[in-house]
């Protein structure tokens, strides 16, 4: 989970360096996306029915 969120934040930070703007939009968007992706992956495995 931490790796997914860390990669999202790092990727957003790098994109903000390449394409500067008034707000750090890439960092915000990719951070939020990576948080939701990490939660989805954890919950998907947690809720999976056991055979």
PDB file of N, CA and C in Angstrom:
ATOM      1  N   UNK A   1       0.824  -1.179   0.000  1.00  0.00           N
ATOM      2  CA  UNK A   1       0.000   0.000   0.000  1.00  0.00           C
ATOM      3  C   UNK A   1       0.879   1.257   0.000  1.00  0.00           C
ATOM      4  N   UNK A   2       1.889   1.239   0.831  1.00  0.00           N
ATOM      5  CA  UNK A   2       2.784   2.398   0.912  1.00  0.00           C
ATOM      6  C   UNK A   2       3.548   2.604  -0.396  1.00  0.00           C
ATOM      7  N   UNK A   3       3.911   1.516  -1.049  1.00  0.00           N
ATOM      8  CA  UNK A   3       4.644   1.624  -2.315  1.00  0.00           C
ATOM      9  C   UNK A   3       3.754   2.246  -3.387  1.00  0.00           C
ATOM     10  N   UNK A   4       2.498   1.821  -3.449  1.00  0.00           N
ATOM     11  CA  UNK A   4       1.564   2.366  -4.433  1.00  0.00           C
ATOM     12  C   UNK A   4       1.358   3.860  -4.230  1.00  0.00           C
ATOM     13  N   UNK A   5       1.127   4.258  -3.004  1.00  0.00           N
ATOM     14  CA  UNK A   5       0.913   5.674  -2.703  1.00  0.00           C
ATOM     15  C   UNK A   5       2.197   6.466  -2.936  1.00  0.00           C
ATOM     16  N   UNK A   6       3.325   5.909  -2.536  1.00  0.00           N
ATOM     17  CA  UNK A   6       4.610   6.582  -2.746  1.00  0.00           C
ATOM     18  C   UNK A   6       4.923   6.799  -4.214  1.00  0.00           C
ATOM     19  N   UNK A   7       4.661   5.788  -5.036  1.00  0.00           N
ATOM     20  CA  UNK A   7       4.901   5.934  -6.475  1.00  0.00           C
ATOM     21  C   UNK A   7       3.973   6.969  -7.100  1.00  0.00           C
ATOM     22  N   UNK A   8       2.732   7.010  -6.644  1.00  0.00           N
ATOM     23  CA  UNK A   8       1.801   8.020  -7.153  1.00  0.00           C
ATOM     24  C   UNK A   8       2.236   9.427  -6.800  1.00  0.00           C
ATOM     25  N   UNK A   9       2.661   9.619  -5.571  1.00  0.00           N
ATOM     26  CA  UNK A   9       3.139  10.947  -5.145  1.00  0.00           C
ATOM     27  C   UNK A   9       4.406  11.340  -5.880  1.00  0.00           C
ATOM     28  N   UNK A  10       5.323  10.383  -6.019  1.00  0.00           N
ATOM     29  CA  UNK A  10       6.576  10.669  -6.723  1.00  0.00           C
ATOM     30  C   UNK A  10       6.313  10.995  -8.192  1.00  0.00           C
ATOM     31  N   UNK A  11       5.430  10.234  -8.834  1.00  0.00           N
ATOM     32  CA  UNK A  11       5.099  10.498 -10.234  1.00  0.00           C
ATOM     33  C   UNK A  11       4.455  11.860 -10.418  1.00  0.00           C
ATOM     34  N   UNK A  12       3.555  12.226  -9.519  1.00  0.00           N
ATOM     35  CA  UNK A  12       2.931  13.548  -9.588  1.00  0.00           C
ATOM     36  C   UNK A  12       3.928  14.661  -9.384  1.00  0.00           C
ATOM     37  N   UNK A  13       4.856  14.455  -8.465  1.00  0.00           N
ATOM     38  CA  UNK A  13       5.892  15.455  -8.204  1.00  0.00           C
ATOM     39  C   UNK A  13       6.778  15.647  -9.436  1.00  0.00           C
ATOM     40  N   UNK A  14       7.155  14.531 -10.076  1.00  0.00           N
ATOM     41  CA  UNK A  14       7.983  14.623 -11.278  1.00  0.00           C
ATOM     42  C   UNK A  14       7.240  15.331 -12.414  1.00  0.00           C
ATOM     43  N   UNK A  15       5.957  15.029 -12.591  1.00  0.00           N
ATOM     44  CA  UNK A  15       5.178  15.696 -13.633  1.00  0.00           C
ATOM     45  C   UNK A  15       5.024  17.184 -13.345  1.00  0.00           C
ATOM     46  N   UNK A  16       4.867  17.548 -12.080  1.00  0.00           N
ATOM     47  CA  UNK A  16       4.788  18.967 -11.729  1.00  0.00           C
ATOM     48  C   UNK A  16       6.096  19.691 -12.000  1.00  0.00           C
ATOM     49  N   UNK A  17       7.210  19.001 -11.887  1.00  0.00           N
ATOM     50  CA  UNK A  17       8.496  19.613 -12.232  1.00  0.00           C
ATOM     51  C   UNK A  17       8.616  19.803 -13.741  1.00  0.00           C
ATOM     52  N   UNK A  18       8.114  18.846 -14.516  1.00  0.00           N
ATOM     53  CA  UNK A  18       8.211  18.930 -15.973  1.00  0.00           C
ATOM     54  C   UNK A  18       7.229  19.947 -16.555  1.00  0.00           C
ATOM     55  N   UNK A  19       6.027  20.013 -15.974  1.00  0.00           N
ATOM     56  CA  UNK A  19       4.972  20.906 -16.465  1.00  0.00           C
ATOM     57  C   UNK A  19       4.501  21.797 -15.319  1.00  0.00           C
ATOM     58  N   UNK A  20       5.252  22.833 -14.989  1.00  0.00           N
ATOM     59  CA  UNK A  20       4.884  23.680 -13.841  1.00  0.00           C
ATOM     60  C   UNK A  20       3.599  24.464 -14.106  1.00  0.00           C
ATOM     61  N   UNK A  21       2.830  24.647 -13.055  1.00  0.00           N
ATOM     62  CA  UNK A  21       1.621  25.451 -13.110  1.00  0.00           C
ATOM     63  C   UNK A  21       1.391  26.082 -11.741  1.00  0.00           C
ATOM     64  N   UNK A  22       0.300  26.843 -11.615  1.00  0.00           N
ATOM     65  CA  UNK A  22       0.051  27.566 -10.373  1.00  0.00           C
ATOM     66  C   UNK A  22      -0.172  26.608  -9.195  1.00  0.00           C
ATOM     67  N   UNK A  23      -0.934  25.564  -9.432  1.00  0.00           N
ATOM     68  CA  UNK A  23      -1.192  24.563  -8.398  1.00  0.00           C
ATOM     69  C   UNK A  23      -0.418  23.303  -8.733  1.00  0.00           C
ATOM     70  N   UNK A  24      -0.137  22.520  -7.757  1.00  0.00           N
ATOM     71  CA  UNK A  24       0.542  21.238  -7.984  1.00  0.00           C
ATOM     72  C   UNK A  24      -0.510  20.188  -8.322  1.00  0.00           C
ATOM     73  N   UNK A  25      -1.146  20.378  -9.466  1.00  0.00           N
ATOM     74  CA  UNK A  25      -2.300  19.566  -9.836  1.00  0.00           C
ATOM     75  C   UNK A  25      -1.933  18.098 -10.050  1.00  0.00           C
ATOM     76  N   UNK A  26      -0.788  17.830 -10.660  1.00  0.00           N
ATOM     77  CA  UNK A  26      -0.402  16.437 -10.909  1.00  0.00           C
ATOM     78  C   UNK A  26      -0.135  15.686  -9.611  1.00  0.00           C
ATOM     79  N   UNK A  27       0.494  16.358  -8.665  1.00  0.00           N
ATOM     80  CA  UNK A  27       0.756  15.721  -7.374  1.00  0.00           C
ATOM     81  C   UNK A  27      -0.555  15.411  -6.667  1.00  0.00           C
ATOM     82  N   UNK A  28      -1.472  16.344  -6.689  1.00  0.00           N
ATOM     83  CA  UNK A  28      -2.762  16.141  -6.030  1.00  0.00           C
ATOM     84  C   UNK A  28      -3.537  15.010  -6.693  1.00  0.00           C
ATOM     85  N   UNK A  29      -3.643  15.053  -8.016  1.00  0.00           N
ATOM     86  CA  UNK A  29      -4.435  14.062  -8.741  1.00  0.00           C
ATOM     87  C   UNK A  29      -3.836  12.663  -8.597  1.00  0.00           C
ATOM     88  N   UNK A  30      -2.553  12.535  -8.826  1.00  0.00           N
ATOM     89  CA  UNK A  30      -1.942  11.211  -8.743  1.00  0.00           C
ATOM     90  C   UNK A  30      -1.867  10.687  -7.312  1.00  0.00           C
ATOM     91  N   UNK A  31      -1.738  11.569  -6.341  1.00  0.00           N
ATOM     92  CA  UNK A  31      -1.752  11.132  -4.947  1.00  0.00           C
ATOM     93  C   UNK A  31      -3.122  10.561  -4.579  1.00  0.00           C
ATOM     94  N   UNK A  32      -4.170  11.285  -4.927  1.00  0.00           N
ATOM     95  CA  UNK A  32      -5.513  10.796  -4.633  1.00  0.00           C
ATOM     96  C   UNK A  32      -5.819   9.511  -5.388  1.00  0.00           C
ATOM     97  N   UNK A  33      -5.427   9.461  -6.658  1.00  0.00           N
ATOM     98  CA  UNK A  33      -5.656   8.250  -7.441  1.00  0.00           C
ATOM     99  C   UNK A  33      -4.923   7.054  -6.841  1.00  0.00           C
ATOM    100  N   UNK A  34      -3.703   7.263  -6.417  1.00  0.00           N
ATOM    101  CA  UNK A  34      -2.937   6.149  -5.853  1.00  0.00           C
ATOM    102  C   UNK A  34      -3.498   5.701  -4.504  1.00  0.00           C
ATOM    103  N   UNK A  35      -4.048   6.622  -3.719  1.00  0.00           N
ATOM    104  CA  UNK A  35      -4.689   6.241  -2.455  1.00  0.00           C
ATOM    105  C   UNK A  35      -5.902   5.365  -2.725  1.00  0.00           C
ATOM    106  N   UNK A  36      -6.752   5.784  -3.675  1.00  0.00           N
ATOM    107  CA  UNK A  36      -7.930   4.988  -4.006  1.00  0.00           C
ATOM    108  C   UNK A  36      -7.544   3.646  -4.613  1.00  0.00           C
ATOM    109  N   UNK A  37      -6.510   3.621  -5.437  1.00  0.00           N
ATOM    110  CA  UNK A  37      -6.053   2.366  -6.032  1.00  0.00           C
ATOM    111  C   UNK A  37      -5.533   1.416  -4.949  1.00  0.00           C
ATOM    112  N   UNK A  38      -4.778   1.929  -3.996  1.00  0.00           N
ATOM    113  CA  UNK A  38      -4.250   1.087  -2.925  1.00  0.00           C
ATOM    114  C   UNK A  38      -5.382   0.542  -2.052  1.00  0.00           C
ATOM    115  N   UNK A  39      -6.350   1.386  -1.730  1.00  0.00           N
ATOM    116  CA  UNK A  39      -7.497   0.923  -0.952  1.00  0.00           C
ATOM    117  C   UNK A  39      -8.289  -0.131  -1.710  1.00  0.00           C
ATOM    118  N   UNK A  40      -8.472   0.075  -3.006  1.00  0.00           N
ATOM    119  CA  UNK A  40      -9.192  -0.902  -3.823  1.00  0.00           C
ATOM    120  C   UNK A  40      -8.473  -2.246  -3.818  1.00  0.00           C
ATOM    121  N   UNK A  41      -7.175  -2.239  -4.004  1.00  0.00           N
ATOM    122  CA  UNK A  41      -6.419  -3.492  -4.027  1.00  0.00           C
ATOM    123  C   UNK A  41      -6.477  -4.219  -2.689  1.00  0.00           C
ATOM    124  N   UNK A  42      -6.382  -3.482  -1.597  1.00  0.00           N
ATOM    125  CA  UNK A  42      -6.431  -4.106  -0.278  1.00  0.00           C
ATOM    126  C   UNK A  42      -7.825  -4.662   0.000  1.00  0.00           C
ATOM    127  N   UNK A  43      -8.852  -3.868  -0.276  1.00  0.00           N
ATOM    128  CA  UNK A  43     -10.212  -4.326  -0.007  1.00  0.00           C
ATOM    129  C   UNK A  43     -10.622  -5.474  -0.927  1.00  0.00           C
ATOM    130  N   UNK A  44     -10.145  -5.471  -2.157  1.00  0.00           N
ATOM    131  CA  UNK A  44     -10.454  -6.555  -3.082  1.00  0.00           C
ATOM    132  C   UNK A  44      -9.912  -7.877  -2.551  1.00  0.00           C
ATOM    133  N   UNK A  45      -8.711  -7.858  -2.034  1.00  0.00           N
ATOM    134  CA  UNK A  45      -8.132  -9.076  -1.469  1.00  0.00           C
ATOM    135  C   UNK A  45      -8.783  -9.457  -0.135  1.00  0.00           C
ATOM    136  N   UNK A  46      -9.195  -8.483   0.621  1.00  0.00           N
ATOM    137  CA  UNK A  46      -9.791  -8.742   1.921  1.00  0.00           C
ATOM    138  C   UNK A  46     -11.199  -9.336   1.797  1.00  0.00           C
ATOM    139  N   UNK A  47     -11.965  -8.865   0.819  1.00  0.00           N
ATOM    140  CA  UNK A  47     -13.345  -9.287   0.664  1.00  0.00           C
ATOM    141  C   UNK A  47     -13.473 -10.546  -0.202  1.00  0.00           C
ATOM    142  N   UNK A  48     -12.398 -10.949  -0.857  1.00  0.00           N
ATOM    143  CA  UNK A  48     -12.438 -12.109  -1.748  1.00  0.00           C
ATOM    144  C   UNK A  48     -12.970 -13.332  -1.011  1.00  0.00           C
ATOM    145  N   UNK A  49     -13.967 -14.028  -1.595  1.00  0.00           N
ATOM    146  CA  UNK A  49     -14.490 -15.221  -0.931  1.00  0.00           C
ATOM    147  C   UNK A  49     -13.437 -16.337  -0.919  1.00  0.00           C
ATOM    148  N   UNK A  50     -13.413 -17.073   0.163  1.00  0.00           N
ATOM    149  CA  UNK A  50     -12.455 -18.167   0.297  1.00  0.00           C
ATOM    150  C   UNK A  50     -13.113 -19.455  -0.173  1.00  0.00           C
ATOM    151  N   UNK A  51     -12.409 -20.224  -0.985  1.00  0.00           N
ATOM    152  CA  UNK A  51     -12.953 -21.488  -1.506  1.00  0.00           C
ATOM    153  C   UNK A  51     -12.561 -22.631  -0.641  1.00  0.00           C
TER     154      UNK A  51
END
